[in-house]
All heavy atoms as atom14 arrays in JSON, in Angstrom:
{
  "sequence": "WPADCHVVGKDILKFHAVYWPAFLLAAGLSLPKKILCHSHWKVD",
  "atom14_mask": [
    [1, 1, 1, 1, 1, 1, 1, 1, 1, 1, 1, 1, 1, 1],
    [1, 1, 1, 1, 1, 1, 1, 0, 0, 0, 0, 0, 0, 0],
    [1, 1, 1, 1, 1, 0, 0, 0, 0, 0, 0, 0, 0, 0],
    [1, 1, 1, 1, 1, 1, 1, 1, 0, 0, 0, 0, 0, 0],
    [1, 1, 1, 1, 1, 1, 0, 0, 0, 0, 0, 0, 0, 0],
    [1, 1, 1, 1, 1, 1, 1, 1, 1, 1, 0, 0, 0, 0],
    [1, 1, 1, 1, 1, 1, 1, 0, 0, 0, 0, 0, 0, 0],
    [1, 1, 1, 1, 1, 1, 1, 0, 0, 0, 0, 0, 0, 0],
    [1, 1, 1, 1, 0, 0, 0, 0, 0, 0, 0, 0, 0, 0],
    [1, 1, 1, 1, 1, 1, 1, 1, 1, 0, 0, 0, 0, 0],
    [1, 1, 1, 1, 1, 1, 1, 1, 0, 0, 0, 0, 0, 0],
    [1, 1, 1, 1, 1, 1, 1, 1, 0, 0, 0, 0, 0, 0],
    [1, 1, 1, 1, 1, 1, 1, 1, 0, 0, 0, 0, 0, 0],
    [1, 1, 1, 1, 1, 1, 1, 1, 1, 0, 0, 0, 0, 0],
    [1, 1, 1, 1, 1, 1, 1, 1, 1, 1, 1, 0, 0, 0],
    [1, 1, 1, 1, 1, 1, 1, 1, 1, 1, 0, 0, 0, 0],
    [1, 1, 1, 1, 1, 0, 0, 0, 0, 0, 0, 0, 0, 0],
    [1, 1, 1, 1, 1, 1, 1, 0, 0, 0, 0, 0, 0, 0],
    [1, 1, 1, 1, 1, 1, 1, 1, 1, 1, 1, 1, 0, 0],
    [1, 1, 1, 1, 1, 1, 1, 1, 1, 1, 1, 1, 1, 1],
    [1, 1, 1, 1, 1, 1, 1, 0, 0, 0, 0, 0, 0, 0],
    [1, 1, 1, 1, 1, 0, 0, 0, 0, 0, 0, 0, 0, 0],
    [1, 1, 1, 1, 1, 1, 1, 1, 1, 1, 1, 0, 0, 0],
    [1, 1, 1, 1, 1, 1, 1, 1, 0, 0, 0, 0, 0, 0],
    [1, 1, 1, 1, 1, 1, 1, 1, 0, 0, 0, 0, 0, 0],
    [1, 1, 1, 1, 1, 0, 0, 0, 0, 0, 0, 0, 0, 0],
    [1, 1, 1, 1, 1, 0, 0, 0, 0, 0, 0, 0, 0, 0],
    [1, 1, 1, 1, 0, 0, 0, 0, 0, 0, 0, 0, 0, 0],
    [1, 1, 1, 1, 1, 1, 1, 1, 0, 0, 0, 0, 0, 0],
    [1, 1, 1, 1, 1, 1, 0, 0, 0, 0, 0, 0, 0, 0],
    [1, 1, 1, 1, 1, 1, 1, 1, 0, 0, 0, 0, 0, 0],
    [1, 1, 1, 1, 1, 1, 1, 0, 0, 0, 0, 0, 0, 0],
    [1, 1, 1, 1, 1, 1, 1, 1, 1, 0, 0, 0, 0, 0],
    [1, 1, 1, 1, 1, 1, 1, 1, 1, 0, 0, 0, 0, 0],
    [1, 1, 1, 1, 1, 1, 1, 1, 0, 0, 0, 0, 0, 0],
    [1, 1, 1, 1, 1, 1, 1, 1, 0, 0, 0, 0, 0, 0],
    [1, 1, 1, 1, 1, 1, 0, 0, 0, 0, 0, 0, 0, 0],
    [1, 1, 1, 1, 1, 1, 1, 1, 1, 1, 0, 0, 0, 0],
    [1, 1, 1, 1, 1, 1, 0, 0, 0, 0, 0, 0, 0, 0],
    [1, 1, 1, 1, 1, 1, 1, 1, 1, 1, 0, 0, 0, 0],
    [1, 1, 1, 1, 1, 1, 1, 1, 1, 1, 1, 1, 1, 1],
    [1, 1, 1, 1, 1, 1, 1, 1, 1, 0, 0, 0, 0, 0],
    [1, 1, 1, 1, 1, 1, 1, 0, 0, 0, 0, 0, 0, 0],
    [1, 1, 1, 1, 1, 1, 1, 1, 0, 0, 0, 0, 0, 0]
  ],
  "atom14_positions": [
    [[0.74, -1.15, 0.01], [-0.03, -0.05, -0.05], [0.95, 1.23, -0.02], [1.94, 1.34, 0.72], [-0.91, -0.02, 1.26], [-2.03, 1.01, 1.14], [-2.1, 2.23, 1.74], [-3.13, 1.0, 0.21], [-3.21, 2.91, 1.39], [-3.88, 2.11, 0.37], [-3.68, 0.05, -0.7], [-5.04, 2.4, -0.37], [-4.88, 0.25, -1.29], [-5.5, 1.41, -1.27]],
    [[0.52, 2.37, -0.7], [-0.71, 2.5, -1.34], [-0.79, 1.9, -2.74], [0.25, 1.64, -3.37], [-0.95, 4.02, -1.46], [0.6, 4.42, -1.63], [1.41, 3.55, -0.69], [0.0, 0.0, 0.0], [0.0, 0.0, 0.0], [0.0, 0.0, 0.0], [0.0, 0.0, 0.0], [0.0, 0.0, 0.0], [0.0, 0.0, 0.0], [0.0, 0.0, 0.0]],
    [[-1.99, 1.74, -3.31], [-2.18, 1.29, -4.7], [-1.66, 2.33, -5.66], [-1.75, 3.51, -5.43], [-3.62, 1.08, -4.91], [0.0, 0.0, 0.0], [0.0, 0.0, 0.0], [0.0, 0.0, 0.0], [0.0, 0.0, 0.0], [0.0, 0.0, 0.0], [0.0, 0.0, 0.0], [0.0, 0.0, 0.0], [0.0, 0.0, 0.0], [0.0, 0.0, 0.0]],
    [[-0.97, 1.91, -6.68], [-0.4, 2.76, -7.71], [-1.45, 3.2, -8.58], [-1.41, 4.3, -9.23], [0.78, 2.1, -8.26], [1.96, 1.96, -7.48], [2.75, 2.89, -7.37], [2.07, 0.88, -6.94], [0.0, 0.0, 0.0], [0.0, 0.0, 0.0], [0.0, 0.0, 0.0], [0.0, 0.0, 0.0], [0.0, 0.0, 0.0], [0.0, 0.0, 0.0]],
    [[-2.35, 2.34, -8.92], [-3.31, 2.58, -10.02], [-4.62, 1.77, -9.81], [-4.52, 0.63, -9.79], [-2.78, 2.32, -11.43], [-3.93, 2.79, -12.74], [0.0, 0.0, 0.0], [0.0, 0.0, 0.0], [0.0, 0.0, 0.0], [0.0, 0.0, 0.0], [0.0, 0.0, 0.0], [0.0, 0.0, 0.0], [0.0, 0.0, 0.0], [0.0, 0.0, 0.0]],
    [[-5.75, 2.4, -9.68], [-7.09, 1.7, -9.7], [-7.73, 1.98, -11.14], [-7.87, 3.16, -11.49], [-8.07, 2.34, -8.69], [-7.65, 2.08, -7.16], [-7.35, 0.88, -6.75], [-7.74, 2.79, -6.07], [-7.06, 0.9, -5.51], [-7.34, 2.12, -5.05], [0.0, 0.0, 0.0], [0.0, 0.0, 0.0], [0.0, 0.0, 0.0], [0.0, 0.0, 0.0]],
    [[-7.88, 1.04, -11.78], [-8.59, 1.15, -13.09], [-10.12, 0.95, -12.82], [-10.65, -0.07, -12.31], [-8.12, -0.02, -14.04], [-8.91, 0.21, -15.41], [-6.65, 0.14, -14.26], [0.0, 0.0, 0.0], [0.0, 0.0, 0.0], [0.0, 0.0, 0.0], [0.0, 0.0, 0.0], [0.0, 0.0, 0.0], [0.0, 0.0, 0.0], [0.0, 0.0, 0.0]],
    [[-10.97, 1.92, -13.3], [-12.46, 1.87, -12.99], [-13.11, 2.37, -14.17], [-12.54, 3.08, -15.06], [-12.74, 2.69, -11.84], [-11.95, 2.22, -10.57], [-12.54, 4.16, -12.01], [0.0, 0.0, 0.0], [0.0, 0.0, 0.0], [0.0, 0.0, 0.0], [0.0, 0.0, 0.0], [0.0, 0.0, 0.0], [0.0, 0.0, 0.0], [0.0, 0.0, 0.0]],
    [[-14.49, 2.02, -14.33], [-15.36, 2.61, -15.26], [-15.93, 3.85, -14.81], [-15.95, 4.15, -13.64], [0.0, 0.0, 0.0], [0.0, 0.0, 0.0], [0.0, 0.0, 0.0], [0.0, 0.0, 0.0], [0.0, 0.0, 0.0], [0.0, 0.0, 0.0], [0.0, 0.0, 0.0], [0.0, 0.0, 0.0], [0.0, 0.0, 0.0], [0.0, 0.0, 0.0]],
    [[-16.41, 4.61, -15.72], [-16.79, 6.01, -15.32], [-18.07, 6.04, -14.41], [-18.33, 6.9, -13.59], [-17.15, 6.85, -16.51], [-18.28, 6.47, -17.42], [-18.39, 7.38, -18.69], [-19.55, 6.87, -19.53], [-19.79, 7.74, -20.72], [0.0, 0.0, 0.0], [0.0, 0.0, 0.0], [0.0, 0.0, 0.0], [0.0, 0.0, 0.0], [0.0, 0.0, 0.0]],
    [[-18.91, 4.95, -14.47], [-20.06, 4.79, -13.69], [-19.77, 4.7, -12.19], [-20.57, 4.82, -11.3], [-20.96, 3.53, -14.19], [-20.21, 2.29, -14.2], [-19.07, 2.32, -14.42], [-20.85, 1.31, -13.86], [0.0, 0.0, 0.0], [0.0, 0.0, 0.0], [0.0, 0.0, 0.0], [0.0, 0.0, 0.0], [0.0, 0.0, 0.0], [0.0, 0.0, 0.0]],
    [[-18.51, 4.15, -11.87], [-18.22, 4.0, -10.43], [-17.06, 4.95, -10.04], [-16.4, 4.78, -9.01], [-17.87, 2.58, -10.07], [-16.65, 2.1, -10.97], [-19.04, 1.61, -10.22], [-16.2, 0.69, -10.71], [0.0, 0.0, 0.0], [0.0, 0.0, 0.0], [0.0, 0.0, 0.0], [0.0, 0.0, 0.0], [0.0, 0.0, 0.0], [0.0, 0.0, 0.0]],
    [[-16.86, 6.01, -10.76], [-15.76, 6.94, -10.53], [-16.11, 7.71, -9.02], [-15.12, 7.81, -8.26], [-15.67, 8.05, -11.52], [-14.69, 9.05, -11.4], [-13.22, 8.47, -11.21], [-14.65, 10.07, -12.66], [0.0, 0.0, 0.0], [0.0, 0.0, 0.0], [0.0, 0.0, 0.0], [0.0, 0.0, 0.0], [0.0, 0.0, 0.0], [0.0, 0.0, 0.0]],
    [[-17.25, 8.11, -8.89], [-17.67, 8.82, -7.56], [-17.08, 7.91, -6.4], [-16.62, 8.46, -5.42], [-19.14, 8.98, -7.55], [-19.52, 9.52, -6.17], [-21.11, 9.83, -6.13], [-21.94, 8.55, -6.27], [-23.38, 8.8, -6.16], [0.0, 0.0, 0.0], [0.0, 0.0, 0.0], [0.0, 0.0, 0.0], [0.0, 0.0, 0.0], [0.0, 0.0, 0.0]],
    [[-17.43, 6.66, -6.45], [-17.17, 5.78, -5.25], [-15.55, 5.64, -5.05], [-15.18, 5.7, -3.87], [-17.77, 4.47, -5.49], [-19.16, 4.4, -5.72], [-19.62, 4.34, -6.99], [-20.13, 4.67, -4.7], [-21.02, 4.25, -7.32], [-21.49, 4.69, -4.93], [-21.94, 4.6, -6.25], [0.0, 0.0, 0.0], [0.0, 0.0, 0.0], [0.0, 0.0, 0.0]],
    [[-14.82, 5.61, -6.21], [-13.41, 5.57, -5.96], [-12.63, 6.85, -5.81], [-11.59, 6.85, -5.15], [-12.85, 4.8, -7.29], [-13.07, 3.33, -7.41], [-14.4, 2.95, -7.86], [-12.36, 2.26, -6.98], [-14.31, 1.54, -7.73], [-13.16, 1.23, -7.34], [0.0, 0.0, 0.0], [0.0, 0.0, 0.0], [0.0, 0.0, 0.0], [0.0, 0.0, 0.0]],
    [[-13.3, 7.94, -6.3], [-12.55, 9.19, -6.13], [-13.13, 10.19, -5.16], [-12.55, 11.24, -4.82], [-12.64, 9.92, -7.68], [0.0, 0.0, 0.0], [0.0, 0.0, 0.0], [0.0, 0.0, 0.0], [0.0, 0.0, 0.0], [0.0, 0.0, 0.0], [0.0, 0.0, 0.0], [0.0, 0.0, 0.0], [0.0, 0.0, 0.0], [0.0, 0.0, 0.0]],
    [[-14.2, 9.75, -4.45], [-14.75, 10.53, -3.36], [-14.96, 9.68, -2.11], [-14.15, 10.0, -1.11], [-16.09, 11.12, -3.74], [-16.63, 12.0, -2.55], [-15.98, 12.08, -4.98], [0.0, 0.0, 0.0], [0.0, 0.0, 0.0], [0.0, 0.0, 0.0], [0.0, 0.0, 0.0], [0.0, 0.0, 0.0], [0.0, 0.0, 0.0], [0.0, 0.0, 0.0]],
    [[-15.65, 8.65, -2.13], [-15.85, 7.84, -0.97], [-14.6, 7.16, -0.53], [-14.28, 7.26, 0.62], [-16.98, 6.69, -1.19], [-18.27, 7.32, -1.49], [-19.41, 6.39, -1.78], [-18.68, 8.69, -1.46], [-20.63, 6.91, -2.07], [-20.01, 9.17, -1.77], [-20.89, 8.25, -2.04], [-22.15, 8.72, -2.37], [0.0, 0.0, 0.0], [0.0, 0.0, 0.0]],
    [[-13.88, 6.47, -1.43], [-12.73, 5.66, -0.99], [-11.63, 6.56, -0.39], [-11.14, 6.21, 0.71], [-12.2, 4.95, -2.21], [-11.08, 3.98, -2.11], [-9.98, 3.81, -2.94], [-10.77, 3.12, -0.96], [-9.08, 2.96, -2.41], [-9.59, 2.39, -1.1], [-11.53, 2.69, 0.24], [-8.96, 1.41, -0.28], [-10.96, 1.72, 1.11], [-9.85, 1.14, 0.8]],
    [[-11.13, 7.52, -1.0], [-10.11, 8.42, -0.41], [-10.55, 8.97, 0.91], [-9.77, 9.17, 1.82], [-9.84, 9.47, -1.38], [-11.0, 9.55, -2.42], [-11.6, 8.07, -2.38], [0.0, 0.0, 0.0], [0.0, 0.0, 0.0], [0.0, 0.0, 0.0], [0.0, 0.0, 0.0], [0.0, 0.0, 0.0], [0.0, 0.0, 0.0], [0.0, 0.0, 0.0]],
    [[-11.84, 9.32, 1.04], [-12.32, 9.86, 2.34], [-12.22, 8.85, 3.45], [-11.81, 9.07, 4.56], [-13.78, 10.23, 2.2], [0.0, 0.0, 0.0], [0.0, 0.0, 0.0], [0.0, 0.0, 0.0], [0.0, 0.0, 0.0], [0.0, 0.0, 0.0], [0.0, 0.0, 0.0], [0.0, 0.0, 0.0], [0.0, 0.0, 0.0], [0.0, 0.0, 0.0]],
    [[-12.66, 7.57, 3.1], [-12.46, 6.46, 4.1], [-11.03, 6.34, 4.52], [-10.67, 6.12, 5.7], [-12.9, 5.16, 3.52], [-14.38, 5.08, 3.28], [-14.99, 4.25, 2.13], [-15.37, 5.82, 4.01], [-16.18, 4.17, 1.99], [-16.8, 5.74, 3.67], [-17.21, 4.96, 2.7], [0.0, 0.0, 0.0], [0.0, 0.0, 0.0], [0.0, 0.0, 0.0]],
    [[-10.06, 6.33, 3.54], [-8.72, 6.17, 3.8], [-8.28, 7.34, 4.62], [-7.32, 7.18, 5.57], [-7.91, 6.08, 2.54], [-8.17, 4.9, 1.73], [-7.52, 4.97, 0.33], [-7.54, 3.63, 2.4], [0.0, 0.0, 0.0], [0.0, 0.0, 0.0], [0.0, 0.0, 0.0], [0.0, 0.0, 0.0], [0.0, 0.0, 0.0], [0.0, 0.0, 0.0]],
    [[-8.59, 8.68, 4.34], [-8.14, 9.81, 5.01], [-8.59, 9.67, 6.46], [-7.86, 9.9, 7.49], [-8.73, 11.05, 4.44], [-8.06, 11.52, 3.24], [-8.92, 12.62, 2.54], [-6.62, 12.17, 3.44], [0.0, 0.0, 0.0], [0.0, 0.0, 0.0], [0.0, 0.0, 0.0], [0.0, 0.0, 0.0], [0.0, 0.0, 0.0], [0.0, 0.0, 0.0]],
    [[-9.81, 9.27, 6.64], [-10.4, 9.05, 8.08], [-9.59, 8.05, 8.84], [-9.49, 8.14, 10.07], [-11.84, 8.71, 8.05], [0.0, 0.0, 0.0], [0.0, 0.0, 0.0], [0.0, 0.0, 0.0], [0.0, 0.0, 0.0], [0.0, 0.0, 0.0], [0.0, 0.0, 0.0], [0.0, 0.0, 0.0], [0.0, 0.0, 0.0], [0.0, 0.0, 0.0]],
    [[-9.1, 7.01, 8.18], [-8.37, 5.9, 8.84], [-6.86, 6.16, 8.95], [-6.13, 5.42, 9.53], [-8.58, 4.56, 8.01], [0.0, 0.0, 0.0], [0.0, 0.0, 0.0], [0.0, 0.0, 0.0], [0.0, 0.0, 0.0], [0.0, 0.0, 0.0], [0.0, 0.0, 0.0], [0.0, 0.0, 0.0], [0.0, 0.0, 0.0], [0.0, 0.0, 0.0]],
    [[-6.42, 7.37, 8.42], [-5.01, 7.58, 8.52], [-4.17, 6.84, 7.52], [-2.93, 6.66, 7.9], [0.0, 0.0, 0.0], [0.0, 0.0, 0.0], [0.0, 0.0, 0.0], [0.0, 0.0, 0.0], [0.0, 0.0, 0.0], [0.0, 0.0, 0.0], [0.0, 0.0, 0.0], [0.0, 0.0, 0.0], [0.0, 0.0, 0.0], [0.0, 0.0, 0.0]],
    [[-4.73, 6.45, 6.42], [-4.02, 5.73, 5.48], [-3.63, 6.44, 4.2], [-4.41, 7.4, 3.9], [-4.8, 4.41, 5.04], [-5.1, 3.4, 6.19], [-6.12, 2.41, 5.75], [-3.74, 2.8, 6.72], [0.0, 0.0, 0.0], [0.0, 0.0, 0.0], [0.0, 0.0, 0.0], [0.0, 0.0, 0.0], [0.0, 0.0, 0.0], [0.0, 0.0, 0.0]],
    [[-2.55, 6.16, 3.52], [-2.22, 6.83, 2.27], [-3.27, 6.68, 1.18], [-3.92, 5.72, 1.11], [-0.89, 6.26, 1.71], [0.17, 6.44, 2.8], [0.0, 0.0, 0.0], [0.0, 0.0, 0.0], [0.0, 0.0, 0.0], [0.0, 0.0, 0.0], [0.0, 0.0, 0.0], [0.0, 0.0, 0.0], [0.0, 0.0, 0.0], [0.0, 0.0, 0.0]],
    [[-3.33, 7.59, 0.37], [-4.3, 7.63, -0.78], [-3.63, 6.99, -2.04], [-2.38, 7.0, -2.23], [-4.75, 9.01, -1.05], [-5.39, 9.76, 0.03], [-5.94, 11.08, -0.47], [-6.54, 9.08, 0.72], [0.0, 0.0, 0.0], [0.0, 0.0, 0.0], [0.0, 0.0, 0.0], [0.0, 0.0, 0.0], [0.0, 0.0, 0.0], [0.0, 0.0, 0.0]],
    [[-4.54, 6.36, -2.89], [-4.05, 5.83, -4.24], [-3.34, 6.9, -5.01], [-3.67, 8.02, -4.91], [-5.37, 5.37, -4.85], [-6.36, 5.21, -3.73], [-5.97, 6.27, -2.75], [0.0, 0.0, 0.0], [0.0, 0.0, 0.0], [0.0, 0.0, 0.0], [0.0, 0.0, 0.0], [0.0, 0.0, 0.0], [0.0, 0.0, 0.0], [0.0, 0.0, 0.0]],
    [[-2.34, 6.43, -5.79], [-1.62, 7.36, -6.52], [-2.33, 7.74, -7.87], [-1.95, 8.82, -8.5], [-0.12, 6.84, -6.8], [0.58, 6.49, -5.65], [1.95, 6.0, -5.98], [2.75, 5.85, -4.73], [4.14, 5.32, -4.99], [0.0, 0.0, 0.0], [0.0, 0.0, 0.0], [0.0, 0.0, 0.0], [0.0, 0.0, 0.0], [0.0, 0.0, 0.0]],
    [[-3.28, 6.94, -8.37], [-3.78, 7.3, -9.67], [-5.2, 6.54, -9.78], [-5.28, 5.33, -9.3], [-3.03, 6.88, -10.74], [-3.69, 7.24, -12.28], [-2.85, 6.64, -13.41], [-1.53, 7.36, -13.49], [-0.7, 6.83, -14.7], [0.0, 0.0, 0.0], [0.0, 0.0, 0.0], [0.0, 0.0, 0.0], [0.0, 0.0, 0.0], [0.0, 0.0, 0.0]],
    [[-6.22, 7.22, -10.19], [-7.54, 6.6, -10.64], [-7.58, 6.61, -12.08], [-7.71, 7.79, -12.66], [-8.7, 7.36, -10.0], [-8.59, 7.51, -8.46], [-10.1, 6.62, -10.29], [-8.57, 6.21, -7.67], [0.0, 0.0, 0.0], [0.0, 0.0, 0.0], [0.0, 0.0, 0.0], [0.0, 0.0, 0.0], [0.0, 0.0, 0.0], [0.0, 0.0, 0.0]],
    [[-7.48, 5.51, -12.9], [-7.46, 5.52, -14.26], [-8.92, 5.11, -14.68], [-9.29, 3.97, -14.49], [-6.46, 4.49, -14.71], [-6.27, 4.44, -16.29], [-5.75, 5.84, -16.74], [-5.2, 3.33, -16.49], [0.0, 0.0, 0.0], [0.0, 0.0, 0.0], [0.0, 0.0, 0.0], [0.0, 0.0, 0.0], [0.0, 0.0, 0.0], [0.0, 0.0, 0.0]],
    [[-9.65, 6.08, -15.24], [-11.1, 5.91, -15.5], [-11.29, 5.72, -17.12], [-10.45, 6.25, -17.87], [-11.82, 7.2, -15.03], [-13.66, 6.96, -15.24], [0.0, 0.0, 0.0], [0.0, 0.0, 0.0], [0.0, 0.0, 0.0], [0.0, 0.0, 0.0], [0.0, 0.0, 0.0], [0.0, 0.0, 0.0], [0.0, 0.0, 0.0], [0.0, 0.0, 0.0]],
    [[-12.26, 5.0, -17.44], [-12.66, 4.68, -18.77], [-14.08, 4.75, -19.03], [-14.89, 4.64, -18.11], [-12.0, 3.42, -19.38], [-12.68, 2.19, -18.65], [-13.85, 1.62, -19.09], [-12.08, 1.4, -17.69], [-14.06, 0.6, -18.31], [-13.13, 0.4, -17.56], [0.0, 0.0, 0.0], [0.0, 0.0, 0.0], [0.0, 0.0, 0.0], [0.0, 0.0, 0.0]],
    [[-14.5, 5.04, -20.24], [-15.94, 5.03, -20.62], [-16.54, 3.66, -20.98], [-15.79, 2.62, -20.58], [-16.19, 5.97, -21.88], [-15.69, 7.29, -21.43], [0.0, 0.0, 0.0], [0.0, 0.0, 0.0], [0.0, 0.0, 0.0], [0.0, 0.0, 0.0], [0.0, 0.0, 0.0], [0.0, 0.0, 0.0], [0.0, 0.0, 0.0], [0.0, 0.0, 0.0]],
    [[-17.73, 3.61, -21.41], [-18.38, 2.32, -21.62], [-18.34, 1.84, -23.08], [-17.96, 2.5, -23.95], [-19.84, 2.53, -21.16], [-20.04, 2.79, -19.74], [-21.1, 3.47, -19.22], [-19.25, 2.58, -18.68], [-21.02, 3.55, -17.89], [-19.85, 3.09, -17.51], [0.0, 0.0, 0.0], [0.0, 0.0, 0.0], [0.0, 0.0, 0.0], [0.0, 0.0, 0.0]],
    [[-18.94, 0.6, -23.23], [-18.98, -0.01, -24.53], [-20.47, -0.09, -24.96], [-21.34, -0.37, -24.22], [-18.44, -1.46, -24.42], [-16.91, -1.51, -24.67], [-16.08, -1.36, -23.6], [-16.19, -1.67, -25.81], [-14.79, -1.51, -24.09], [-14.87, -1.58, -25.47], [-16.59, -1.75, -27.1], [-13.92, -1.69, -26.44], [-15.62, -1.76, -28.09], [-14.17, -1.82, -27.76]],
    [[-20.63, 0.3, -26.21], [-22.0, 0.23, -26.88], [-21.9, -0.93, -27.9], [-20.75, -1.31, -28.22], [-22.44, 1.58, -27.4], [-22.64, 2.71, -26.49], [-23.0, 3.96, -27.21], [-23.48, 5.12, -26.19], [-23.7, 6.29, -26.87], [0.0, 0.0, 0.0], [0.0, 0.0, 0.0], [0.0, 0.0, 0.0], [0.0, 0.0, 0.0], [0.0, 0.0, 0.0]],
    [[-23.01, -1.39, -28.39], [-23.02, -2.33, -29.4], [-23.74, -1.8, -30.7], [-24.95, -1.38, -30.64], [-23.83, -3.61, -28.96], [-23.82, -4.58, -30.12], [-23.13, -4.24, -27.78], [0.0, 0.0, 0.0], [0.0, 0.0, 0.0], [0.0, 0.0, 0.0], [0.0, 0.0, 0.0], [0.0, 0.0, 0.0], [0.0, 0.0, 0.0], [0.0, 0.0, 0.0]],
    [[-22.95, -1.58, -31.69], [-23.5, -1.01, -32.94], [-24.17, 0.46, -32.6], [-25.23, 0.71, -33.12], [-24.46, -1.89, -33.68], [-23.8, -3.11, -34.26], [-22.71, -2.86, -34.78], [-24.41, -4.22, -34.26], [0.0, 0.0, 0.0], [0.0, 0.0, 0.0], [0.0, 0.0, 0.0], [0.0, 0.0, 0.0], [0.0, 0.0, 0.0], [0.0, 0.0, 0.0]]
  ]
}
């Protein structure tokens, strides 16, 4: 720890970029170094 890179989809960005670092800050733990976000897939 800390994680160097969390790969996430844009639909769960709030949870990883707001909730998760807040939990870590409250626990006195280091924050992730990068949140790598991507978009979704459509079909045709």
